[in-house]
Amino acid sequence: MSDSHSDLYTPDAAGLLAVLRKLRSPSGCPWDRKQTRQSLVRHLDGECAELIDAIMRDDVPNIREELGDVLMNLMFQIVVAEEKDEFTAEDVWREIVAKMIRRHAHVFGDEHAGSAEEVVALWQKIKAAEKGKSAPPQSIMDEVKLTLCPLDRAEKMQKKAAEKNFDWQSVNGVVDKISEELDEVKAALASGDETHTDEEIGDLLFAVVNLIRFRKRHSAVEVMRRSNMKFEQRFRKLESYFNTSGKDIVAATPEELDAAWENIKQEGNCDHA
């Protein structure tokens, strides 16, 4: 970017909005002018995924870059809305600042919350009061968005059910349910009924998500991400092991693969000792 452009488009939110408005103008970019609110969704989805990946890898340079890409996509949606005279950037800032202040009444108001759990309870109470101003949903499940990824949606449905006291009394009950569902998967596999097997596997996954939710440590998506990353790291080491030994991993026997995998797992356990 030339110095003259740097003067026109400052490195801040206003500058980014100005850049996007220029790109959408008649003298701007044909690709950017062609985009719609809907066509931009897949780009936003992709950039969010790349940001999450960078965060999980603690890759600071990429975190910085991907944050910019996500912000750009969000700002792009604002510019599209401005063109339709629906709302402005100022409307977005005003609404989110007001919401954050309103929902943190223990910080900006007279409410009290001395723990993270109390904060969540207060947040839910304030949200419920806000929603009380509009028509009530026919079911509490109406509040769980269909567009959520399946793991997130399962967890949120379970949380909503728990709000109505439909929940496990102890973690042991959830573990027993997982064992029960696993037995049903085994029985379905033995029956040869593929449709029924798919259903039982889904029930097993749902029960595992319940265990993750009940423990109140990490989200199901977060736990799955960590497992994915662990598998990826170990498999990369497995590939490296066979490359170093001069043997094609594809030609390795199951016993050789298992032995190498167990060694890699043990190395990982030693790293955490």
C-alpha atoms as a PDB file:
ATOM      1  CA  MET A   1       0.000   0.000   0.000  1.00  0.00           C
ATOM      2  CA  SER A   2       1.384   3.429  -0.947  1.00  0.00           C
ATOM      3  CA  ASP A   3       1.889   6.217   1.576  1.00  0.00           C
ATOM      4  CA  SER A   4      -1.108   8.112   0.156  1.00  0.00           C
ATOM      5  CA  HIS A   5      -3.346   5.113   0.696  1.00  0.00           C
ATOM      6  CA  SER A   6      -1.984   4.669   4.209  1.00  0.00           C
ATOM      7  CA  ASP A   7      -3.037   8.217   4.989  1.00  0.00           C
ATOM      8  CA  LEU A   8      -6.548   7.573   3.665  1.00  0.00           C
ATOM      9  CA  TYR A   9      -7.068   4.191   5.292  1.00  0.00           C
ATOM     10  CA  THR A  10      -5.923   4.250   8.890  1.00  0.00           C
ATOM     11  CA  PRO A  11      -4.943   1.021  10.694  1.00  0.00           C
ATOM     12  CA  ASP A  12      -8.049   0.785  12.840  1.00  0.00           C
ATOM     13  CA  ALA A  13     -11.722  -0.192  12.620  1.00  0.00           C
ATOM     14  CA  ALA A  14     -12.620   2.995  10.765  1.00  0.00           C
ATOM     15  CA  GLY A  15      -9.832   2.397   8.262  1.00  0.00           C
ATOM     16  CA  LEU A  16     -10.943  -1.186   7.609  1.00  0.00           C
ATOM     17  CA  LEU A  17     -14.523  -0.042   7.064  1.00  0.00           C
ATOM     18  CA  ALA A  18     -13.270   2.612   4.640  1.00  0.00           C
ATOM     19  CA  VAL A  19     -11.293  -0.003   2.699  1.00  0.00           C
ATOM     20  CA  LEU A  20     -14.325  -2.289   2.430  1.00  0.00           C
ATOM     21  CA  ARG A  21     -16.611   0.576   1.380  1.00  0.00           C
ATOM     22  CA  LYS A  22     -14.130   1.444  -1.350  1.00  0.00           C
ATOM     23  CA  LEU A  23     -13.952  -2.173  -2.528  1.00  0.00           C
ATOM     24  CA  ARG A  24     -17.769  -2.272  -2.753  1.00  0.00           C
ATOM     25  CA  SER A  25     -17.972   1.022  -4.652  1.00  0.00           C
ATOM     26  CA  PRO A  26     -18.368   1.308  -8.466  1.00  0.00           C
ATOM     27  CA  SER A  27     -14.628   2.043  -8.707  1.00  0.00           C
ATOM     28  CA  GLY A  28     -13.764  -0.847  -6.401  1.00  0.00           C
ATOM     29  CA  CYS A  29     -13.288  -4.600  -6.883  1.00  0.00           C
ATOM     30  CA  PRO A  30     -15.668  -6.641  -9.101  1.00  0.00           C
ATOM     31  CA  TRP A  31     -15.374  -9.681  -6.794  1.00  0.00           C
ATOM     32  CA  ASP A  32     -16.171  -7.712  -3.650  1.00  0.00           C
ATOM     33  CA  ARG A  33     -19.083  -5.915  -5.331  1.00  0.00           C
ATOM     34  CA  LYS A  34     -20.542  -9.274  -6.353  1.00  0.00           C
ATOM     35  CA  GLN A  35     -20.679 -10.670  -2.802  1.00  0.00           C
ATOM     36  CA  THR A  36     -23.898 -10.971  -0.829  1.00  0.00           C
ATOM     37  CA  ARG A  37     -24.549 -11.512   2.849  1.00  0.00           C
ATOM     38  CA  GLN A  38     -25.162 -15.194   2.144  1.00  0.00           C
ATOM     39  CA  SER A  39     -22.152 -15.737  -0.150  1.00  0.00           C
ATOM     40  CA  LEU A  40     -19.849 -14.332   2.525  1.00  0.00           C
ATOM     41  CA  VAL A  41     -20.938 -16.897   5.136  1.00  0.00           C
ATOM     42  CA  ARG A  42     -18.631 -19.667   3.955  1.00  0.00           C
ATOM     43  CA  HIS A  43     -15.663 -17.262   4.047  1.00  0.00           C
ATOM     44  CA  LEU A  44     -16.517 -16.228   7.603  1.00  0.00           C
ATOM     45  CA  ASP A  45     -16.896 -19.861   8.597  1.00  0.00           C
ATOM     46  CA  GLY A  46     -13.522 -20.731   7.081  1.00  0.00           C
ATOM     47  CA  GLU A  47     -11.704 -17.809   8.694  1.00  0.00           C
ATOM     48  CA  CYS A  48     -13.186 -18.628  12.111  1.00  0.00           C
ATOM     49  CA  ALA A  49     -11.947 -22.205  11.731  1.00  0.00           C
ATOM     50  CA  GLU A  50      -8.455 -20.972  10.819  1.00  0.00           C
ATOM     51  CA  LEU A  51      -8.405 -18.631  13.813  1.00  0.00           C
ATOM     52  CA  ILE A  52      -9.429 -21.443  16.155  1.00  0.00           C
ATOM     53  CA  ASP A  53      -6.726 -23.668  14.678  1.00  0.00           C
ATOM     54  CA  ALA A  54      -4.083 -20.963  15.251  1.00  0.00           C
ATOM     55  CA  ILE A  55      -5.277 -20.475  18.847  1.00  0.00           C
ATOM     56  CA  MET A  56      -5.184 -24.197  19.558  1.00  0.00           C
ATOM     57  CA  ARG A  57      -1.632 -24.341  18.219  1.00  0.00           C
ATOM     58  CA  ASP A  58      -0.691 -21.198  20.167  1.00  0.00           C
ATOM     59  CA  ASP A  59       0.681 -19.803  16.901  1.00  0.00           C
ATOM     60  CA  VAL A  60       0.801 -16.118  17.842  1.00  0.00           C
ATOM     61  CA  PRO A  61       1.722 -14.658  14.406  1.00  0.00           C
ATOM     62  CA  ASN A  62      -1.133 -16.611  12.809  1.00  0.00           C
ATOM     63  CA  ILE A  63      -3.519 -15.684  15.625  1.00  0.00           C
ATOM     64  CA  ARG A  64      -2.841 -12.026  14.848  1.00  0.00           C
ATOM     65  CA  GLU A  65      -3.339 -12.555  11.113  1.00  0.00           C
ATOM     66  CA  GLU A  66      -6.475 -14.690  11.455  1.00  0.00           C
ATOM     67  CA  LEU A  67      -8.040 -12.233  13.900  1.00  0.00           C
ATOM     68  CA  GLY A  68      -7.686  -9.617  11.174  1.00  0.00           C
ATOM     69  CA  ASP A  69      -9.311 -11.913   8.614  1.00  0.00           C
ATOM     70  CA  VAL A  70     -12.253 -12.613  10.941  1.00  0.00           C
ATOM     71  CA  LEU A  71     -12.657  -8.907  11.699  1.00  0.00           C
ATOM     72  CA  MET A  72     -12.593  -8.135   7.989  1.00  0.00           C
ATOM     73  CA  ASN A  73     -15.384 -10.636   7.357  1.00  0.00           C
ATOM     74  CA  LEU A  74     -17.471  -9.188  10.193  1.00  0.00           C
ATOM     75  CA  MET A  75     -16.929  -5.656   8.915  1.00  0.00           C
ATOM     76  CA  PHE A  76     -17.873  -6.804   5.417  1.00  0.00           C
ATOM     77  CA  GLN A  77     -21.284  -7.862   6.759  1.00  0.00           C
ATOM     78  CA  ILE A  78     -21.683  -4.414   8.324  1.00  0.00           C
ATOM     79  CA  VAL A  79     -20.898  -2.676   5.025  1.00  0.00           C
ATOM     80  CA  VAL A  80     -23.478  -4.839   3.219  1.00  0.00           C
ATOM     81  CA  ALA A  81     -26.062  -3.880   5.858  1.00  0.00           C
ATOM     82  CA  GLU A  82     -25.161  -0.192   5.512  1.00  0.00           C
ATOM     83  CA  GLU A  83     -25.808  -0.392   1.776  1.00  0.00           C
ATOM     84  CA  LYS A  84     -29.281  -1.775   2.511  1.00  0.00           C
ATOM     85  CA  ASP A  85     -29.925   0.961   5.119  1.00  0.00           C
ATOM     86  CA  GLU A  86     -30.534  -1.767   7.708  1.00  0.00           C
ATOM     87  CA  PHE A  87     -28.015  -0.664  10.342  1.00  0.00           C
ATOM     88  CA  THR A  88     -24.592   0.960  10.703  1.00  0.00           C
ATOM     89  CA  ALA A  89     -21.312   0.068  12.378  1.00  0.00           C
ATOM     90  CA  GLU A  90     -22.227   2.477  15.161  1.00  0.00           C
ATOM     91  CA  ASP A  91     -25.451   0.553  15.739  1.00  0.00           C
ATOM     92  CA  VAL A  92     -23.454  -2.665  16.151  1.00  0.00           C
ATOM     93  CA  TRP A  93     -20.968  -1.088  18.592  1.00  0.00           C
ATOM     94  CA  ARG A  94     -23.766   0.552  20.583  1.00  0.00           C
ATOM     95  CA  GLU A  95     -25.745  -2.677  20.910  1.00  0.00           C
ATOM     96  CA  ILE A  96     -22.856  -4.915  21.947  1.00  0.00           C
ATOM     97  CA  VAL A  97     -21.457  -2.392  24.457  1.00  0.00           C
ATOM     98  CA  ALA A  98     -24.901  -1.975  26.007  1.00  0.00           C
ATOM     99  CA  LYS A  99     -25.403  -5.748  26.126  1.00  0.00           C
ATOM    100  CA  MET A 100     -22.035  -6.397  27.797  1.00  0.00           C
ATOM    101  CA  ILE A 101     -22.751  -3.762  30.443  1.00  0.00           C
ATOM    102  CA  ARG A 102     -26.303  -5.007  30.985  1.00  0.00           C
ATOM    103  CA  ARG A 103     -25.307  -8.664  31.284  1.00  0.00           C
ATOM    104  CA  HIS A 104     -22.401  -7.918  33.641  1.00  0.00           C
ATOM    105  CA  ALA A 105     -24.605  -6.342  36.267  1.00  0.00           C
ATOM    106  CA  HIS A 106     -22.222  -7.641  38.949  1.00  0.00           C
ATOM    107  CA  VAL A 107     -19.533  -5.352  37.503  1.00  0.00           C
ATOM    108  CA  PHE A 108     -21.536  -2.375  36.232  1.00  0.00           C
ATOM    109  CA  GLY A 109     -24.616  -2.669  38.454  1.00  0.00           C
ATOM    110  CA  ASP A 110     -25.809  -3.781  41.880  1.00  0.00           C
ATOM    111  CA  GLU A 111     -25.819  -7.564  41.405  1.00  0.00           C
ATOM    112  CA  HIS A 112     -23.286  -9.844  43.096  1.00  0.00           C
ATOM    113  CA  ALA A 113     -21.412 -12.799  41.592  1.00  0.00           C
ATOM    114  CA  GLY A 114     -18.402 -14.157  43.439  1.00  0.00           C
ATOM    115  CA  SER A 115     -17.663 -17.159  41.217  1.00  0.00           C
ATOM    116  CA  ALA A 116     -17.737 -18.130  37.565  1.00  0.00           C
ATOM    117  CA  GLU A 117     -20.786 -20.336  38.259  1.00  0.00           C
ATOM    118  CA  GLU A 118     -22.665 -17.406  39.811  1.00  0.00           C
ATOM    119  CA  VAL A 119     -21.752 -15.259  36.806  1.00  0.00           C
ATOM    120  CA  VAL A 120     -23.257 -17.852  34.447  1.00  0.00           C
ATOM    121  CA  ALA A 121     -26.440 -18.027  36.527  1.00  0.00           C
ATOM    122  CA  LEU A 122     -26.742 -14.241  36.541  1.00  0.00           C
ATOM    123  CA  TRP A 123     -26.100 -14.095  32.794  1.00  0.00           C
ATOM    124  CA  GLN A 124     -28.890 -16.601  32.189  1.00  0.00           C
ATOM    125  CA  LYS A 125     -31.281 -14.664  34.444  1.00  0.00           C
ATOM    126  CA  ILE A 126     -30.620 -11.434  32.561  1.00  0.00           C
ATOM    127  CA  LYS A 127     -30.990 -13.182  29.203  1.00  0.00           C
ATOM    128  CA  ALA A 128     -34.304 -14.654  30.332  1.00  0.00           C
ATOM    129  CA  ALA A 129     -35.522 -11.188  31.336  1.00  0.00           C
ATOM    130  CA  GLU A 130     -34.534  -9.847  27.914  1.00  0.00           C
ATOM    131  CA  LYS A 131     -36.325 -12.644  26.099  1.00  0.00           C
ATOM    132  CA  GLY A 132     -39.385 -12.102  28.290  1.00  0.00           C
ATOM    133  CA  LYS A 133     -40.030  -8.928  26.346  1.00  0.00           C
ATOM    134  CA  SER A 134     -40.739 -10.946  23.195  1.00  0.00           C
ATOM    135  CA  ALA A 135     -43.129 -13.823  22.466  1.00  0.00           C
ATOM    136  CA  PRO A 136     -42.153 -16.903  24.504  1.00  0.00           C
ATOM    137  CA  PRO A 137     -40.849 -19.907  22.532  1.00  0.00           C
ATOM    138  CA  GLN A 138     -43.092 -22.969  22.242  1.00  0.00           C
ATOM    139  CA  SER A 139     -40.253 -25.120  23.603  1.00  0.00           C
ATOM    140  CA  ILE A 140     -36.991 -24.368  25.343  1.00  0.00           C
ATOM    141  CA  MET A 141     -35.377 -26.296  22.490  1.00  0.00           C
ATOM    142  CA  ASP A 142     -36.384 -23.449  20.142  1.00  0.00           C
ATOM    143  CA  GLU A 143     -33.516 -21.520  21.705  1.00  0.00           C
ATOM    144  CA  VAL A 144     -30.939 -23.996  20.350  1.00  0.00           C
ATOM    145  CA  LYS A 145     -29.923 -22.952  16.856  1.00  0.00           C
ATOM    146  CA  LEU A 146     -30.126 -25.545  14.079  1.00  0.00           C
ATOM    147  CA  THR A 147     -26.996 -24.088  12.467  1.00  0.00           C
ATOM    148  CA  LEU A 148     -24.717 -25.067  15.349  1.00  0.00           C
ATOM    149  CA  CYS A 149     -22.260 -27.876  14.699  1.00  0.00           C
ATOM    150  CA  PRO A 150     -23.691 -31.206  15.960  1.00  0.00           C
ATOM    151  CA  LEU A 151     -21.398 -31.399  19.016  1.00  0.00           C
ATOM    152  CA  ASP A 152     -22.271 -27.859  20.101  1.00  0.00           C
ATOM    153  CA  ARG A 153     -25.973 -28.427  19.475  1.00  0.00           C
ATOM    154  CA  ALA A 154     -26.022 -31.659  21.492  1.00  0.00           C
ATOM    155  CA  GLU A 155     -24.349 -29.911  24.408  1.00  0.00           C
ATOM    156  CA  LYS A 156     -26.642 -26.890  24.292  1.00  0.00           C
ATOM    157  CA  MET A 157     -29.766 -29.079  24.105  1.00  0.00           C
ATOM    158  CA  GLN A 158     -28.566 -30.956  27.178  1.00  0.00           C
ATOM    159  CA  LYS A 159     -27.959 -27.676  29.016  1.00  0.00           C
ATOM    160  CA  LYS A 160     -31.446 -26.475  28.131  1.00  0.00           C
ATOM    161  CA  ALA A 161     -32.954 -29.744  29.370  1.00  0.00           C
ATOM    162  CA  ALA A 162     -30.968 -29.344  32.606  1.00  0.00           C
ATOM    163  CA  GLU A 163     -32.582 -25.929  33.102  1.00  0.00           C
ATOM    164  CA  LYS A 164     -35.878 -27.841  33.359  1.00  0.00           C
ATOM    165  CA  ASN A 165     -34.337 -30.228  35.925  1.00  0.00           C
ATOM    166  CA  PHE A 166     -33.972 -32.997  33.332  1.00  0.00           C
ATOM    167  CA  ASP A 167     -30.406 -33.944  34.192  1.00  0.00           C
ATOM    168  CA  TRP A 168     -28.204 -36.569  35.817  1.00  0.00           C
ATOM    169  CA  GLN A 169     -27.724 -36.537  39.562  1.00  0.00           C
ATOM    170  CA  SER A 170     -24.085 -37.650  39.454  1.00  0.00           C
ATOM    171  CA  VAL A 171     -21.263 -38.294  37.025  1.00  0.00           C
ATOM    172  CA  ASN A 172     -21.575 -42.025  37.758  1.00  0.00           C
ATOM    173  CA  GLY A 173     -25.029 -42.023  36.222  1.00  0.00           C
ATOM    174  CA  VAL A 174     -23.643 -40.554  33.004  1.00  0.00           C
ATOM    175  CA  VAL A 175     -20.825 -43.113  32.909  1.00  0.00           C
ATOM    176  CA  ASP A 176     -23.336 -45.936  33.403  1.00  0.00           C
ATOM    177  CA  LYS A 177     -25.384 -44.527  30.525  1.00  0.00           C
ATOM    178  CA  ILE A 178     -22.313 -44.551  28.269  1.00  0.00           C
ATOM    179  CA  SER A 179     -21.701 -48.197  29.191  1.00  0.00           C
ATOM    180  CA  GLU A 180     -25.351 -49.000  28.444  1.00  0.00           C
ATOM    181  CA  GLU A 181     -25.183 -47.250  25.060  1.00  0.00           C
ATOM    182  CA  LEU A 182     -21.942 -49.065  24.191  1.00  0.00           C
ATOM    183  CA  ASP A 183     -23.632 -52.400  24.914  1.00  0.00           C
ATOM    184  CA  GLU A 184     -26.477 -51.380  22.597  1.00  0.00           C
ATOM    185  CA  VAL A 185     -23.980 -50.517  19.856  1.00  0.00           C
ATOM    186  CA  LYS A 186     -22.423 -53.974  20.212  1.00  0.00           C
ATOM    187  CA  ALA A 187     -25.849 -55.621  20.016  1.00  0.00           C
ATOM    188  CA  ALA A 188     -26.771 -53.568  16.943  1.00  0.00           C
ATOM    189  CA  LEU A 189     -23.505 -54.509  15.224  1.00  0.00           C
ATOM    190  CA  ALA A 190     -24.172 -58.186  15.972  1.00  0.00           C
ATOM    191  CA  SER A 191     -27.669 -57.883  14.480  1.00  0.00           C
ATOM    192  CA  GLY A 192     -26.318 -56.663  11.154  1.00  0.00           C
ATOM    193  CA  ASP A 193     -28.949 -53.888  11.040  1.00  0.00           C
ATOM    194  CA  GLU A 194     -26.906 -50.952   9.704  1.00  0.00           C
ATOM    195  CA  THR A 195     -29.602 -48.322  10.228  1.00  0.00           C
ATOM    196  CA  HIS A 196     -30.096 -49.377  13.839  1.00  0.00           C
ATOM    197  CA  THR A 197     -26.317 -49.429  14.352  1.00  0.00           C
ATOM    198  CA  ASP A 198     -26.035 -45.843  13.090  1.00  0.00           C
ATOM    199  CA  GLU A 199     -28.755 -44.817  15.537  1.00  0.00           C
ATOM    200  CA  GLU A 200     -27.059 -46.513  18.489  1.00  0.00           C
ATOM    201  CA  ILE A 201     -23.669 -44.998  17.631  1.00  0.00           C
ATOM    202  CA  GLY A 202     -25.361 -41.588  17.615  1.00  0.00           C
ATOM    203  CA  ASP A 203     -26.850 -42.298  21.042  1.00  0.00           C
ATOM    204  CA  LEU A 204     -23.400 -43.278  22.318  1.00  0.00           C
ATOM    205  CA  LEU A 205     -21.892 -40.035  21.049  1.00  0.00           C
ATOM    206  CA  PHE A 206     -24.730 -38.063  22.632  1.00  0.00           C
ATOM    207  CA  ALA A 207     -24.081 -39.785  25.980  1.00  0.00           C
ATOM    208  CA  VAL A 208     -20.348 -38.977  25.776  1.00  0.00           C
ATOM    209  CA  VAL A 209     -21.188 -35.315  25.124  1.00  0.00           C
ATOM    210  CA  ASN A 210     -23.366 -35.467  28.255  1.00  0.00           C
ATOM    211  CA  LEU A 211     -20.366 -36.602  30.290  1.00  0.00           C
ATOM    212  CA  ILE A 212     -18.271 -33.715  28.948  1.00  0.00           C
ATOM    213  CA  ARG A 213     -21.036 -31.216  29.730  1.00  0.00           C
ATOM    214  CA  PHE A 214     -21.732 -32.626  33.184  1.00  0.00           C
ATOM    215  CA  ARG A 215     -18.077 -32.231  34.218  1.00  0.00           C
ATOM    216  CA  LYS A 216     -18.231 -28.474  33.417  1.00  0.00           C
ATOM    217  CA  ARG A 217     -14.591 -28.240  32.371  1.00  0.00           C
ATOM    218  CA  HIS A 218     -14.441 -27.902  28.602  1.00  0.00           C
ATOM    219  CA  SER A 219     -16.959 -27.906  25.786  1.00  0.00           C
ATOM    220  CA  ALA A 220     -17.423 -31.047  23.709  1.00  0.00           C
ATOM    221  CA  VAL A 221     -15.915 -29.243  20.714  1.00  0.00           C
ATOM    222  CA  GLU A 222     -12.876 -28.239  22.765  1.00  0.00           C
ATOM    223  CA  VAL A 223     -12.348 -31.799  24.000  1.00  0.00           C
ATOM    224  CA  MET A 224     -12.681 -33.103  20.439  1.00  0.00           C
ATOM    225  CA  ARG A 225     -10.214 -30.516  19.127  1.00  0.00           C
ATOM    226  CA  ARG A 226      -7.641 -31.577  21.715  1.00  0.00           C
ATOM    227  CA  SER A 227      -8.087 -35.231  20.800  1.00  0.00           C
ATOM    228  CA  ASN A 228      -7.760 -34.401  17.105  1.00  0.00           C
ATOM    229  CA  MET A 229      -4.556 -32.481  17.723  1.00  0.00           C
ATOM    230  CA  LYS A 230      -3.135 -35.278  19.876  1.00  0.00           C
ATOM    231  CA  PHE A 231      -3.893 -37.852  17.178  1.00  0.00           C
ATOM    232  CA  GLU A 232      -2.394 -35.627  14.490  1.00  0.00           C
ATOM    233  CA  GLN A 233       0.821 -35.084  16.459  1.00  0.00           C
ATOM    234  CA  ARG A 234       1.203 -38.785  17.182  1.00  0.00           C
ATOM    235  CA  PHE A 235       0.512 -39.798  13.592  1.00  0.00           C
ATOM    236  CA  ARG A 236       3.075 -37.299  12.319  1.00  0.00           C
ATOM    237  CA  LYS A 237       5.598 -38.932  14.658  1.00  0.00           C
ATOM    238  CA  LEU A 238       4.536 -42.357  13.378  1.00  0.00           C
ATOM    239  CA  GLU A 239       5.187 -41.263   9.789  1.00  0.00           C
ATOM    240  CA  SER A 240       8.527 -39.790  10.805  1.00  0.00           C
ATOM    241  CA  TYR A 241       9.488 -43.002  12.618  1.00  0.00           C
ATOM    242  CA  PHE A 242       8.974 -45.150   9.530  1.00  0.00           C
ATOM    243  CA  ASN A 243      10.578 -42.589   7.210  1.00  0.00           C
ATOM    244  CA  THR A 244      13.662 -42.538   9.443  1.00  0.00           C
ATOM    245  CA  SER A 245      13.812 -46.336   9.560  1.00  0.00           C
ATOM    246  CA  GLY A 246      13.638 -46.477   5.782  1.00  0.00           C
ATOM    247  CA  LYS A 247      10.471 -48.547   5.768  1.00  0.00           C
ATOM    248  CA  ASP A 248       7.245 -47.607   3.998  1.00  0.00           C
ATOM    249  CA  ILE A 249       4.503 -47.150   6.612  1.00  0.00           C
ATOM    250  CA  VAL A 250       1.998 -48.677   4.193  1.00  0.00           C
ATOM    251  CA  ALA A 251       4.065 -51.880   4.115  1.00  0.00           C
ATOM    252  CA  ALA A 252       4.267 -52.149   7.904  1.00  0.00           C
ATOM    253  CA  THR A 253       2.450 -55.006   9.606  1.00  0.00           C
ATOM    254  CA  PRO A 254      -0.323 -54.306  12.132  1.00  0.00           C
ATOM    255  CA  GLU A 255       2.030 -55.515  14.868  1.00  0.00           C
ATOM    256  CA  GLU A 256       4.754 -53.080  13.780  1.00  0.00           C
ATOM    257  CA  LEU A 257       2.270 -50.210  13.645  1.00  0.00           C
ATOM    258  CA  ASP A 258       0.882 -51.032  17.089  1.00  0.00           C
ATOM    259  CA  ALA A 259       4.372 -51.295  18.614  1.00  0.00           C
ATOM    260  CA  ALA A 260       5.500 -47.979  17.120  1.00  0.00           C
ATOM    261  CA  TRP A 261       2.240 -46.288  18.170  1.00  0.00           C
ATOM    262  CA  GLU A 262       2.609 -47.512  21.757  1.00  0.00           C
ATOM    263  CA  ASN A 263       6.196 -46.219  21.882  1.00  0.00           C
ATOM    264  CA  ILE A 264       5.033 -42.821  20.669  1.00  0.00           C
ATOM    265  CA  LYS A 265       2.262 -42.776  23.277  1.00  0.00           C
ATOM    266  CA  GLN A 266       4.765 -43.621  26.010  1.00  0.00           C
ATOM    267  CA  GLU A 267       7.060 -40.805  24.847  1.00  0.00           C
ATOM    268  CA  GLY A 268       4.108 -38.444  25.116  1.00  0.00           C
ATOM    269  CA  ASN A 269       3.313 -39.651  28.617  1.00  0.00           C
ATOM    270  CA  CYS A 270       6.917 -39.000  29.640  1.00  0.00           C
ATOM    271  CA  ASP A 271       6.654 -35.447  28.240  1.00  0.00           C
ATOM    272  CA  HIS A 272       3.777 -34.758  30.656  1.00  0.00           C
ATOM    273  CA  ALA A 273       5.491 -36.344  33.669  1.00  0.00           C
END
